[in-house]
């Protein structure tokens, strides 16, 4: 399974092993460039996972990925917390601490993307993995505070925090990939009797657009 091999490779890859001798500003620029490249690879691999495999294969693959991510995040949580990392301070000087930070950022955003794109399947797996849910809660909060992620990655974390009910959902939050919720809503709409609404005279001027939160 090519998509699976690519996904596992992404989990095991360390961004900062290639950053050894560089000044602080250059190092941060290199990191962000590499992170952006890895995100492109992650998104492409997840797209193949969601389109080229049936539910059974997806479930097996995500279950294995969840276990790998759990292991990586748990190991690096201990390293990051013991390092005394200060939020907003950029990248650590110590190579091992850089590696732990990079692995935490990469795997958190990566697995968050899977949860958003395969929500029903992922939530059924997470329901059996309470420790992973707690580690994801920690890592999402941690990554949000590093000030190292781009806007797109921050949006993924913002949405997955709502998807996992870590934070309160926006009233207009909708995950278009959630099939169970869509089926439920569709059934409600069919059962709901149609009522005639009185016609209102339209007024001219600026109008607020729908504030729906989409992925």
N, C-alpha and C. Protein backbone atom coordinates (compact mmCIF):
# COMPACT_ATOMS: atom_id res chain seq x y z
N UNK A 1 0.85 -1.18 0.00
CA UNK A 1 0.00 0.00 0.00
C UNK A 1 0.88 1.23 0.00
N UNK A 2 0.94 1.90 -1.12
CA UNK A 2 1.85 3.03 -1.26
C UNK A 2 1.50 4.16 -0.31
N UNK A 3 0.20 4.45 -0.18
CA UNK A 3 -0.23 5.54 0.71
C UNK A 3 0.18 5.24 2.14
N UNK A 4 0.02 3.99 2.56
CA UNK A 4 0.37 3.60 3.92
C UNK A 4 1.86 3.76 4.17
N UNK A 5 2.68 3.29 3.21
CA UNK A 5 4.13 3.42 3.35
C UNK A 5 4.54 4.88 3.46
N UNK A 6 3.91 5.73 2.66
CA UNK A 6 4.21 7.16 2.69
C UNK A 6 3.82 7.76 4.04
N UNK A 7 2.67 7.38 4.56
CA UNK A 7 2.21 7.90 5.83
C UNK A 7 3.14 7.50 6.97
N UNK A 8 3.56 6.25 6.98
CA UNK A 8 4.48 5.78 8.02
C UNK A 8 5.83 6.48 7.90
N UNK A 9 6.28 6.70 6.68
CA UNK A 9 7.55 7.40 6.46
C UNK A 9 7.46 8.81 7.02
N UNK A 10 6.30 9.46 6.86
CA UNK A 10 6.11 10.81 7.37
C UNK A 10 6.21 10.82 8.90
N UNK A 11 5.63 9.80 9.53
CA UNK A 11 5.67 9.72 10.99
C UNK A 11 7.10 9.59 11.49
N UNK A 12 7.90 8.80 10.81
CA UNK A 12 9.25 8.49 11.26
C UNK A 12 10.29 9.54 10.88
N UNK A 13 9.95 10.41 9.95
CA UNK A 13 10.92 11.38 9.46
C UNK A 13 11.10 12.52 10.46
N UNK A 14 12.35 12.96 10.63
CA UNK A 14 12.62 14.09 11.51
C UNK A 14 13.07 15.29 10.69
N UNK A 15 12.33 16.37 10.78
CA UNK A 15 12.63 17.57 10.02
C UNK A 15 14.00 18.15 10.35
N UNK A 16 14.32 18.20 11.62
CA UNK A 16 15.45 18.99 12.04
C UNK A 16 16.78 18.27 12.01
N UNK A 17 16.80 17.02 11.57
CA UNK A 17 18.08 16.32 11.43
C UNK A 17 18.94 16.96 10.36
N UNK A 18 18.31 17.70 9.43
CA UNK A 18 19.07 18.35 8.36
C UNK A 18 19.49 19.75 8.75
N UNK A 19 19.02 20.24 9.90
CA UNK A 19 19.39 21.58 10.35
C UNK A 19 20.43 21.44 11.46
N UNK A 20 21.67 21.70 11.13
CA UNK A 20 22.73 21.51 12.11
C UNK A 20 23.45 22.83 12.41
N UNK A 21 24.02 23.44 11.39
CA UNK A 21 24.76 24.69 11.59
C UNK A 21 24.09 25.82 10.84
N UNK A 22 23.34 26.63 11.56
CA UNK A 22 22.67 27.78 10.96
C UNK A 22 22.36 28.77 12.07
N UNK A 23 22.38 30.08 11.74
CA UNK A 23 22.02 31.06 12.77
C UNK A 23 20.52 30.96 13.03
N UNK A 24 20.08 31.61 14.10
CA UNK A 24 18.71 31.42 14.58
C UNK A 24 17.66 31.77 13.53
N UNK A 25 17.78 32.93 12.88
CA UNK A 25 16.78 33.35 11.90
C UNK A 25 16.77 32.43 10.69
N UNK A 26 17.95 32.05 10.22
CA UNK A 26 18.05 31.17 9.06
C UNK A 26 17.50 29.79 9.41
N UNK A 27 17.80 29.32 10.61
CA UNK A 27 17.34 28.01 11.05
C UNK A 27 15.82 27.95 11.08
N UNK A 28 15.20 29.01 11.60
CA UNK A 28 13.75 29.07 11.67
C UNK A 28 13.13 29.10 10.28
N UNK A 29 13.76 29.82 9.37
CA UNK A 29 13.28 29.90 7.99
C UNK A 29 13.37 28.53 7.32
N UNK A 30 14.48 27.82 7.54
CA UNK A 30 14.66 26.48 6.97
C UNK A 30 13.61 25.53 7.54
N UNK A 31 13.41 25.61 8.86
CA UNK A 31 12.42 24.75 9.51
C UNK A 31 11.04 24.94 8.91
N UNK A 32 10.62 26.19 8.79
CA UNK A 32 9.28 26.47 8.27
C UNK A 32 9.14 26.03 6.82
N UNK A 33 10.22 26.17 6.05
CA UNK A 33 10.19 25.72 4.66
C UNK A 33 10.05 24.20 4.57
N UNK A 34 10.79 23.49 5.41
CA UNK A 34 10.71 22.03 5.43
C UNK A 34 9.36 21.56 5.95
N UNK A 35 8.85 22.26 6.96
CA UNK A 35 7.56 21.88 7.52
C UNK A 35 6.46 22.03 6.47
N UNK A 36 6.53 23.10 5.70
CA UNK A 36 5.54 23.33 4.65
C UNK A 36 5.61 22.23 3.60
N UNK A 37 6.82 21.81 3.27
CA UNK A 37 6.99 20.73 2.29
C UNK A 37 6.41 19.43 2.83
N UNK A 38 6.67 19.14 4.10
CA UNK A 38 6.15 17.91 4.70
C UNK A 38 4.63 17.94 4.76
N UNK A 39 4.06 19.11 5.02
CA UNK A 39 2.60 19.23 5.05
C UNK A 39 2.00 18.91 3.68
N UNK A 40 2.67 19.34 2.63
CA UNK A 40 2.21 19.03 1.27
C UNK A 40 2.21 17.53 1.04
N UNK A 41 3.26 16.85 1.52
CA UNK A 41 3.36 15.40 1.38
C UNK A 41 2.28 14.70 2.22
N UNK A 42 2.05 15.21 3.42
CA UNK A 42 1.03 14.64 4.29
C UNK A 42 -0.35 14.73 3.64
N UNK A 43 -0.69 15.90 3.15
CA UNK A 43 -2.01 16.12 2.55
C UNK A 43 -2.22 15.23 1.34
N UNK A 44 -1.18 15.08 0.52
CA UNK A 44 -1.28 14.21 -0.66
C UNK A 44 -1.49 12.75 -0.26
N UNK A 45 -0.75 12.30 0.76
CA UNK A 45 -0.87 10.91 1.21
C UNK A 45 -2.25 10.66 1.83
N UNK A 46 -2.76 11.62 2.60
CA UNK A 46 -4.08 11.47 3.21
C UNK A 46 -5.17 11.48 2.14
N UNK A 47 -4.97 12.27 1.10
CA UNK A 47 -5.94 12.30 -0.01
C UNK A 47 -6.05 10.93 -0.66
N UNK A 48 -4.90 10.26 -0.83
CA UNK A 48 -4.92 8.90 -1.40
C UNK A 48 -5.61 7.93 -0.45
N UNK A 49 -5.32 8.09 0.83
CA UNK A 49 -5.94 7.22 1.84
C UNK A 49 -7.46 7.32 1.81
N UNK A 50 -7.97 8.54 1.64
CA UNK A 50 -9.42 8.75 1.70
C UNK A 50 -10.14 8.41 0.40
N UNK A 51 -9.40 8.30 -0.70
CA UNK A 51 -10.06 8.08 -2.00
C UNK A 51 -9.76 6.74 -2.65
N UNK A 52 -8.64 6.12 -2.31
CA UNK A 52 -8.20 4.92 -3.02
C UNK A 52 -8.42 3.61 -2.24
N UNK A 53 -8.93 3.72 -1.00
CA UNK A 53 -9.07 2.51 -0.18
C UNK A 53 -10.48 2.42 0.40
N UNK A 54 -10.94 1.19 0.59
CA UNK A 54 -12.27 0.99 1.18
C UNK A 54 -12.20 1.20 2.69
N UNK A 55 -13.37 1.17 3.33
CA UNK A 55 -13.46 1.47 4.75
C UNK A 55 -12.62 0.52 5.60
N UNK A 56 -12.64 -0.75 5.28
CA UNK A 56 -11.90 -1.74 6.07
C UNK A 56 -10.40 -1.45 6.03
N UNK A 57 -9.86 -1.19 4.83
CA UNK A 57 -8.44 -0.88 4.71
C UNK A 57 -8.10 0.44 5.40
N UNK A 58 -8.99 1.42 5.25
CA UNK A 58 -8.77 2.70 5.92
C UNK A 58 -8.71 2.52 7.43
N UNK A 59 -9.64 1.73 7.96
CA UNK A 59 -9.70 1.51 9.40
C UNK A 59 -8.41 0.86 9.91
N UNK A 60 -7.94 -0.16 9.20
CA UNK A 60 -6.72 -0.86 9.60
C UNK A 60 -5.52 0.07 9.56
N UNK A 61 -5.44 0.87 8.50
CA UNK A 61 -4.31 1.78 8.34
C UNK A 61 -4.31 2.87 9.40
N UNK A 62 -5.48 3.46 9.65
CA UNK A 62 -5.56 4.54 10.64
C UNK A 62 -5.30 4.00 12.04
N UNK A 63 -5.71 2.77 12.30
CA UNK A 63 -5.46 2.17 13.60
C UNK A 63 -3.95 2.00 13.84
N UNK A 64 -3.23 1.55 12.82
CA UNK A 64 -1.78 1.40 12.93
C UNK A 64 -1.11 2.77 13.07
N UNK A 65 -1.58 3.73 12.27
CA UNK A 65 -1.04 5.08 12.33
C UNK A 65 -1.28 5.69 13.71
N UNK A 66 -2.48 5.48 14.25
CA UNK A 66 -2.80 6.02 15.58
C UNK A 66 -1.84 5.48 16.63
N UNK A 67 -1.52 4.19 16.55
CA UNK A 67 -0.58 3.60 17.50
C UNK A 67 0.83 4.18 17.34
N UNK A 68 1.24 4.38 16.08
CA UNK A 68 2.57 4.97 15.84
C UNK A 68 2.64 6.41 16.36
N UNK A 69 1.60 7.18 16.04
CA UNK A 69 1.55 8.57 16.49
C UNK A 69 1.53 8.64 18.01
N UNK A 70 0.77 7.75 18.63
CA UNK A 70 0.70 7.67 20.09
C UNK A 70 2.11 7.47 20.67
N UNK A 71 2.84 6.53 20.11
CA UNK A 71 4.19 6.21 20.59
C UNK A 71 5.13 7.42 20.42
N UNK A 72 5.07 8.04 19.24
CA UNK A 72 5.95 9.19 18.95
C UNK A 72 5.64 10.36 19.89
N UNK A 73 4.35 10.69 20.02
CA UNK A 73 3.97 11.82 20.86
C UNK A 73 4.29 11.58 22.33
N UNK A 74 4.06 10.36 22.79
CA UNK A 74 4.32 10.05 24.19
C UNK A 74 5.81 10.19 24.51
N UNK A 75 6.65 9.65 23.63
CA UNK A 75 8.11 9.74 23.83
C UNK A 75 8.57 11.19 23.82
N UNK A 76 8.05 11.96 22.87
CA UNK A 76 8.52 13.34 22.73
C UNK A 76 7.88 14.30 23.72
N UNK A 77 6.72 13.93 24.25
CA UNK A 77 6.12 14.74 25.31
C UNK A 77 7.05 14.78 26.52
N UNK A 78 7.58 13.61 26.88
CA UNK A 78 8.49 13.54 28.02
C UNK A 78 9.76 14.37 27.77
N UNK A 79 10.28 14.31 26.55
CA UNK A 79 11.50 15.06 26.20
C UNK A 79 11.25 16.56 26.21
N UNK A 80 10.13 16.98 25.62
CA UNK A 80 9.82 18.40 25.53
C UNK A 80 9.57 18.99 26.92
N UNK A 81 8.81 18.28 27.75
CA UNK A 81 8.49 18.80 29.07
C UNK A 81 9.71 18.86 29.98
N UNK A 82 10.61 17.89 29.84
CA UNK A 82 11.82 17.88 30.68
C UNK A 82 12.86 18.89 30.20
N UNK A 83 12.71 19.36 28.96
CA UNK A 83 13.70 20.30 28.40
C UNK A 83 13.50 21.73 28.90
N UNK A 84 12.31 22.00 29.46
CA UNK A 84 12.04 23.36 29.94
C UNK A 84 11.81 24.33 28.79
N UNK A 85 11.29 23.82 27.69
CA UNK A 85 11.05 24.67 26.51
C UNK A 85 10.12 25.83 26.86
N UNK A 86 10.48 27.03 26.41
CA UNK A 86 9.68 28.23 26.66
C UNK A 86 8.92 28.60 25.40
N UNK A 87 7.62 28.71 25.50
CA UNK A 87 6.79 29.04 24.35
C UNK A 87 7.20 30.38 23.75
N UNK A 88 7.25 30.41 22.43
CA UNK A 88 7.59 31.65 21.73
C UNK A 88 9.07 31.92 21.63
N UNK A 89 9.87 30.98 22.12
CA UNK A 89 11.33 31.21 22.13
C UNK A 89 12.01 30.69 20.87
N UNK A 90 11.22 30.25 19.89
CA UNK A 90 11.81 29.72 18.66
C UNK A 90 12.20 28.26 18.81
N UNK A 91 13.30 27.90 18.15
CA UNK A 91 13.76 26.51 18.20
C UNK A 91 14.81 26.33 19.29
N UNK A 92 14.79 25.21 20.00
CA UNK A 92 15.81 24.96 21.03
C UNK A 92 17.20 24.84 20.40
N UNK A 93 18.22 25.07 21.20
CA UNK A 93 19.59 24.95 20.70
C UNK A 93 20.03 23.50 20.64
N UNK A 94 19.59 22.72 21.61
CA UNK A 94 19.98 21.32 21.67
C UNK A 94 19.31 20.53 20.54
N UNK A 95 20.12 19.72 19.81
CA UNK A 95 19.60 18.99 18.66
C UNK A 95 18.53 17.98 19.04
N UNK A 96 18.70 17.28 20.17
CA UNK A 96 17.72 16.30 20.60
C UNK A 96 16.39 16.97 20.94
N UNK A 97 16.47 18.16 21.54
CA UNK A 97 15.26 18.91 21.89
C UNK A 97 14.58 19.44 20.61
N UNK A 98 15.38 19.84 19.63
CA UNK A 98 14.82 20.27 18.35
C UNK A 98 14.07 19.12 17.69
N UNK A 99 14.68 17.97 17.73
CA UNK A 99 14.09 16.78 17.13
C UNK A 99 12.76 16.44 17.79
N UNK A 100 12.71 16.52 19.13
CA UNK A 100 11.49 16.23 19.87
C UNK A 100 10.39 17.23 19.54
N UNK A 101 10.77 18.49 19.43
CA UNK A 101 9.81 19.54 19.10
C UNK A 101 9.25 19.34 17.69
N UNK A 102 10.14 19.06 16.73
CA UNK A 102 9.71 18.86 15.35
C UNK A 102 8.78 17.66 15.21
N UNK A 103 9.12 16.57 15.87
CA UNK A 103 8.29 15.37 15.82
C UNK A 103 6.90 15.62 16.42
N UNK A 104 6.87 16.40 17.49
CA UNK A 104 5.59 16.73 18.13
C UNK A 104 4.72 17.56 17.19
N UNK A 105 5.32 18.58 16.59
CA UNK A 105 4.57 19.44 15.67
C UNK A 105 4.07 18.66 14.45
N UNK A 106 4.96 17.92 13.83
CA UNK A 106 4.61 17.17 12.61
C UNK A 106 3.49 16.16 12.84
N UNK A 107 3.66 15.34 13.86
CA UNK A 107 2.70 14.26 14.08
C UNK A 107 1.36 14.75 14.60
N UNK A 108 1.38 15.84 15.35
CA UNK A 108 0.13 16.41 15.84
C UNK A 108 -0.72 16.95 14.69
N UNK A 109 -0.11 17.74 13.82
CA UNK A 109 -0.85 18.30 12.69
C UNK A 109 -1.26 17.19 11.72
N UNK A 110 -0.37 16.24 11.52
CA UNK A 110 -0.63 15.11 10.62
C UNK A 110 -1.85 14.29 11.07
N UNK A 111 -1.85 13.88 12.34
CA UNK A 111 -2.96 13.06 12.82
C UNK A 111 -4.25 13.88 12.94
N UNK A 112 -4.10 15.16 13.23
CA UNK A 112 -5.27 16.04 13.28
C UNK A 112 -5.95 16.10 11.92
N UNK A 113 -5.16 16.15 10.86
CA UNK A 113 -5.70 16.18 9.50
C UNK A 113 -6.47 14.88 9.20
N UNK A 114 -5.95 13.76 9.66
CA UNK A 114 -6.64 12.48 9.46
C UNK A 114 -7.97 12.47 10.21
N UNK A 115 -7.98 12.98 11.44
CA UNK A 115 -9.21 13.03 12.24
C UNK A 115 -10.27 13.87 11.53
N UNK A 116 -9.84 14.97 10.93
CA UNK A 116 -10.79 15.84 10.24
C UNK A 116 -11.30 15.24 8.93
N UNK A 117 -10.42 14.54 8.21
CA UNK A 117 -10.81 14.00 6.91
C UNK A 117 -11.53 12.66 7.02
N UNK A 118 -11.29 11.92 8.11
CA UNK A 118 -11.98 10.64 8.36
C UNK A 118 -12.55 10.67 9.78
N UNK A 119 -13.46 11.58 10.05
CA UNK A 119 -13.92 11.80 11.43
C UNK A 119 -14.64 10.63 12.06
N UNK A 120 -15.55 10.00 11.33
CA UNK A 120 -16.33 8.90 11.92
C UNK A 120 -15.42 7.72 12.26
N UNK A 121 -14.57 7.38 11.33
CA UNK A 121 -13.63 6.28 11.52
C UNK A 121 -12.64 6.60 12.64
N UNK A 122 -12.08 7.79 12.61
CA UNK A 122 -11.08 8.18 13.62
C UNK A 122 -11.66 8.23 15.02
N UNK A 123 -12.87 8.76 15.13
CA UNK A 123 -13.48 8.86 16.46
C UNK A 123 -13.80 7.49 17.04
N UNK A 124 -14.15 6.54 16.17
CA UNK A 124 -14.42 5.18 16.66
C UNK A 124 -13.14 4.54 17.18
N UNK A 125 -12.01 4.88 16.57
CA UNK A 125 -10.72 4.37 17.04
C UNK A 125 -10.30 5.07 18.33
N UNK A 126 -10.45 6.40 18.36
CA UNK A 126 -10.07 7.18 19.54
C UNK A 126 -10.91 6.82 20.76
N UNK A 127 -12.14 6.37 20.52
CA UNK A 127 -13.01 5.98 21.64
C UNK A 127 -12.42 4.82 22.43
N UNK A 128 -11.54 4.05 21.79
CA UNK A 128 -10.89 2.90 22.44
C UNK A 128 -9.48 3.24 22.92
N UNK A 129 -9.05 4.50 22.71
CA UNK A 129 -7.67 4.88 23.03
C UNK A 129 -7.68 6.17 23.84
N UNK A 130 -8.09 6.05 25.09
CA UNK A 130 -8.23 7.22 25.96
C UNK A 130 -6.89 7.94 26.18
N UNK A 131 -5.82 7.17 26.30
CA UNK A 131 -4.51 7.80 26.52
C UNK A 131 -4.08 8.61 25.31
N UNK A 132 -4.34 8.11 24.12
CA UNK A 132 -4.01 8.86 22.90
C UNK A 132 -4.83 10.15 22.84
N UNK A 133 -6.10 10.09 23.21
CA UNK A 133 -6.94 11.29 23.22
C UNK A 133 -6.36 12.34 24.15
N UNK A 134 -5.88 11.91 25.31
CA UNK A 134 -5.30 12.84 26.28
C UNK A 134 -3.99 13.42 25.77
N UNK A 135 -3.18 12.60 25.12
CA UNK A 135 -1.91 13.08 24.57
C UNK A 135 -2.18 14.06 23.43
N UNK A 136 -3.18 13.77 22.59
CA UNK A 136 -3.53 14.69 21.51
C UNK A 136 -4.01 16.02 22.08
N UNK A 137 -4.77 15.96 23.15
CA UNK A 137 -5.24 17.19 23.80
C UNK A 137 -4.05 18.03 24.26
N UNK A 138 -3.07 17.35 24.86
CA UNK A 138 -1.86 18.05 25.30
C UNK A 138 -1.10 18.62 24.11
N UNK A 139 -0.88 17.81 23.09
CA UNK A 139 -0.04 18.21 21.96
C UNK A 139 -0.69 19.33 21.14
N UNK A 140 -2.01 19.32 21.00
CA UNK A 140 -2.70 20.39 20.28
C UNK A 140 -2.51 21.71 21.02
N UNK A 141 -2.67 21.68 22.33
CA UNK A 141 -2.45 22.89 23.12
C UNK A 141 -1.00 23.34 23.06
N UNK A 142 -0.08 22.38 23.13
CA UNK A 142 1.35 22.71 23.08
C UNK A 142 1.71 23.35 21.74
N UNK A 143 1.30 22.71 20.65
CA UNK A 143 1.65 23.21 19.32
C UNK A 143 1.06 24.59 19.05
N UNK A 144 -0.13 24.83 19.57
CA UNK A 144 -0.78 26.14 19.39
C UNK A 144 0.03 27.26 20.02
N UNK A 145 0.80 26.93 21.04
CA UNK A 145 1.53 27.96 21.79
C UNK A 145 2.98 28.15 21.35
N UNK A 146 3.45 27.36 20.40
CA UNK A 146 4.87 27.45 20.01
C UNK A 146 5.17 28.65 19.11
N UNK A 147 4.15 29.13 18.41
CA UNK A 147 4.34 30.23 17.45
C UNK A 147 5.27 29.83 16.31
N UNK A 148 5.27 28.54 15.98
CA UNK A 148 6.14 28.04 14.91
C UNK A 148 5.36 27.59 13.68
N UNK A 149 4.06 27.44 13.81
CA UNK A 149 3.25 26.89 12.72
C UNK A 149 2.70 27.97 11.81
N UNK A 150 2.47 27.59 10.55
CA UNK A 150 1.87 28.51 9.58
C UNK A 150 0.37 28.59 9.82
N UNK A 151 -0.27 29.52 9.13
CA UNK A 151 -1.70 29.76 9.32
C UNK A 151 -2.54 28.52 9.00
N UNK A 152 -2.19 27.82 7.93
CA UNK A 152 -2.94 26.63 7.52
C UNK A 152 -2.90 25.54 8.59
N UNK A 153 -1.73 25.31 9.16
CA UNK A 153 -1.60 24.29 10.21
C UNK A 153 -2.34 24.69 11.48
N UNK A 154 -2.29 25.99 11.80
CA UNK A 154 -3.00 26.49 12.97
C UNK A 154 -4.51 26.30 12.80
N UNK A 155 -4.99 26.48 11.57
CA UNK A 155 -6.42 26.29 11.30
C UNK A 155 -6.82 24.83 11.52
N UNK A 156 -5.95 23.90 11.09
CA UNK A 156 -6.21 22.47 11.30
C UNK A 156 -6.35 22.18 12.80
N UNK A 157 -5.45 22.73 13.61
CA UNK A 157 -5.50 22.49 15.05
C UNK A 157 -6.74 23.12 15.68
N UNK A 158 -7.10 24.29 15.18
CA UNK A 158 -8.31 24.98 15.68
C UNK A 158 -9.55 24.14 15.40
N UNK A 159 -9.62 23.56 14.20
CA UNK A 159 -10.78 22.76 13.82
C UNK A 159 -10.81 21.41 14.53
N UNK A 160 -9.65 20.77 14.66
CA UNK A 160 -9.64 19.45 15.30
C UNK A 160 -9.95 19.56 16.80
N UNK A 161 -9.59 20.67 17.41
CA UNK A 161 -9.93 20.88 18.82
C UNK A 161 -11.45 20.91 18.99
N UNK A 162 -12.14 21.47 18.01
CA UNK A 162 -13.61 21.48 18.04
C UNK A 162 -14.17 20.09 17.70
N UNK A 163 -13.56 19.45 16.71
CA UNK A 163 -14.01 18.12 16.29
C UNK A 163 -13.91 17.12 17.44
N UNK A 164 -12.85 17.23 18.24
CA UNK A 164 -12.64 16.31 19.37
C UNK A 164 -13.29 16.81 20.65
N UNK A 165 -14.01 17.95 20.55
CA UNK A 165 -14.67 18.55 21.71
C UNK A 165 -13.69 18.92 22.82
N UNK A 166 -12.47 19.29 22.41
CA UNK A 166 -11.48 19.80 23.36
C UNK A 166 -11.84 21.23 23.72
N UNK A 167 -12.28 21.98 22.71
CA UNK A 167 -12.79 23.32 22.92
C UNK A 167 -14.26 23.37 22.48
N UNK A 168 -14.96 24.38 22.92
CA UNK A 168 -16.37 24.51 22.55
C UNK A 168 -16.50 24.75 21.05
N UNK A 169 -17.43 24.08 20.44
CA UNK A 169 -17.63 24.22 19.00
C UNK A 169 -18.30 25.55 18.67
N UNK A 170 -17.82 26.17 17.60
CA UNK A 170 -18.47 27.36 17.07
C UNK A 170 -19.89 26.97 16.67
N UNK A 171 -20.88 27.83 16.89
CA UNK A 171 -22.27 27.49 16.53
C UNK A 171 -22.43 27.04 15.08
N UNK A 172 -21.59 27.53 14.19
CA UNK A 172 -21.70 27.18 12.77
C UNK A 172 -20.66 26.15 12.33
N UNK A 173 -20.02 25.50 13.32
CA UNK A 173 -19.01 24.50 12.95
C UNK A 173 -19.65 23.32 12.22
N UNK A 174 -19.10 23.00 11.06
CA UNK A 174 -19.57 21.86 10.27
C UNK A 174 -18.37 21.12 9.70
N UNK A 175 -18.33 19.81 9.90
CA UNK A 175 -17.31 19.00 9.25
C UNK A 175 -17.98 18.27 8.08
N UNK A 176 -17.71 18.70 6.86
CA UNK A 176 -18.37 18.10 5.69
C UNK A 176 -18.00 16.65 5.45
N UNK A 177 -16.96 16.17 6.13
CA UNK A 177 -16.53 14.78 5.95
C UNK A 177 -17.22 13.84 6.93
N UNK A 178 -18.01 14.39 7.86
CA UNK A 178 -18.67 13.56 8.86
C UNK A 178 -19.97 13.01 8.29
N UNK A 179 -19.97 11.72 7.92
CA UNK A 179 -21.12 11.10 7.26
C UNK A 179 -22.28 10.85 8.22
N UNK A 180 -21.97 10.45 9.45
CA UNK A 180 -23.01 10.15 10.42
C UNK A 180 -23.84 11.40 10.71
N UNK A 181 -23.16 12.52 10.92
CA UNK A 181 -23.84 13.77 11.21
C UNK A 181 -24.69 14.22 10.03
N UNK A 182 -24.15 14.06 8.81
CA UNK A 182 -24.87 14.45 7.61
C UNK A 182 -26.13 13.61 7.44
N UNK A 183 -26.03 12.30 7.70
CA UNK A 183 -27.19 11.41 7.58
C UNK A 183 -28.26 11.79 8.59
N UNK A 184 -27.83 12.10 9.82
CA UNK A 184 -28.76 12.49 10.87
C UNK A 184 -29.48 13.77 10.50
N UNK A 185 -28.71 14.76 10.01
CA UNK A 185 -29.30 16.04 9.64
C UNK A 185 -30.26 15.89 8.46
N UNK A 186 -29.87 15.04 7.52
CA UNK A 186 -30.72 14.80 6.35
C UNK A 186 -32.07 14.22 6.78
N UNK A 187 -32.03 13.28 7.74
CA UNK A 187 -33.25 12.68 8.24
C UNK A 187 -34.12 13.69 8.96
N UNK A 188 -33.48 14.59 9.72
CA UNK A 188 -34.23 15.61 10.42
C UNK A 188 -34.94 16.55 9.46
N UNK A 189 -34.22 16.89 8.36
CA UNK A 189 -34.79 17.80 7.38
C UNK A 189 -36.00 17.18 6.68
N UNK A 190 -35.95 15.85 6.45
CA UNK A 190 -37.06 15.18 5.79
C UNK A 190 -38.28 15.13 6.71
N UNK A 191 -38.04 14.95 8.01
CA UNK A 191 -39.14 14.84 8.96
C UNK A 191 -39.75 16.19 9.30
N UNK A 192 -38.94 17.24 9.21
CA UNK A 192 -39.41 18.56 9.59
C UNK A 192 -40.46 19.06 8.62
N UNK A 193 -41.68 19.41 9.10
CA UNK A 193 -42.71 19.92 8.19
C UNK A 193 -42.34 21.28 7.63
N UNK A 194 -42.67 21.46 6.39
CA UNK A 194 -42.37 22.72 5.74
C UNK A 194 -43.41 23.76 6.13
N UNK A 195 -42.95 24.91 6.51
CA UNK A 195 -43.85 25.99 6.87
C UNK A 195 -43.59 27.18 5.97
N UNK A 196 -44.66 27.83 5.62
CA UNK A 196 -44.53 29.00 4.75
C UNK A 196 -44.02 30.18 5.56
N UNK A 197 -43.00 30.81 5.04
CA UNK A 197 -42.45 31.98 5.71
C UNK A 197 -43.01 33.24 5.07
N UNK A 198 -43.38 34.19 5.89
CA UNK A 198 -43.90 35.44 5.31
C UNK A 198 -42.80 36.14 4.52
N UNK A 199 -43.21 36.71 3.41
CA UNK A 199 -42.23 37.40 2.58
C UNK A 199 -41.80 38.69 3.26
N UNK A 200 -40.48 38.89 3.25
CA UNK A 200 -39.95 40.11 3.84
C UNK A 200 -39.39 41.00 2.75
N UNK A 201 -39.60 42.28 2.90
CA UNK A 201 -39.09 43.20 1.91
C UNK A 201 -37.59 43.33 2.09
N UNK A 202 -36.84 43.13 1.02
CA UNK A 202 -35.38 43.18 1.08
C UNK A 202 -34.92 44.62 1.16
N UNK A 203 -33.96 44.84 2.03
CA UNK A 203 -33.39 46.18 2.17
C UNK A 203 -32.04 46.23 1.50
N UNK A 204 -31.74 47.35 0.96
CA UNK A 204 -30.45 47.51 0.30
C UNK A 204 -29.37 47.86 1.31
N UNK A 205 -28.17 47.54 0.93
CA UNK A 205 -27.05 47.85 1.80
C UNK A 205 -26.20 46.63 2.04
N UNK A 206 -25.11 46.75 2.80
CA UNK A 206 -24.21 45.60 3.05
C UNK A 206 -24.90 44.53 3.87
N UNK A 207 -24.63 43.27 3.52
CA UNK A 207 -25.24 42.13 4.22
C UNK A 207 -24.14 41.24 4.76
N UNK A 208 -24.39 40.64 5.92
CA UNK A 208 -23.43 39.70 6.49
C UNK A 208 -23.57 38.36 5.80
N UNK A 209 -22.45 37.76 5.41
CA UNK A 209 -22.48 36.43 4.80
C UNK A 209 -22.55 35.38 5.88
N UNK A 210 -22.90 34.16 5.50
CA UNK A 210 -22.99 33.06 6.44
C UNK A 210 -21.64 32.79 7.06
N UNK A 211 -21.59 32.68 8.38
CA UNK A 211 -20.31 32.50 9.08
C UNK A 211 -19.98 31.04 9.29
N UNK A 212 -20.37 30.18 8.38
CA UNK A 212 -20.13 28.75 8.50
C UNK A 212 -18.64 28.44 8.56
N UNK A 213 -18.29 27.51 9.45
CA UNK A 213 -16.89 27.11 9.60
C UNK A 213 -16.69 25.82 8.83
N UNK A 214 -15.95 25.88 7.74
CA UNK A 214 -15.69 24.71 6.90
C UNK A 214 -14.23 24.34 6.97
N UNK A 215 -13.92 23.11 6.52
CA UNK A 215 -12.52 22.67 6.47
C UNK A 215 -11.91 23.08 5.16
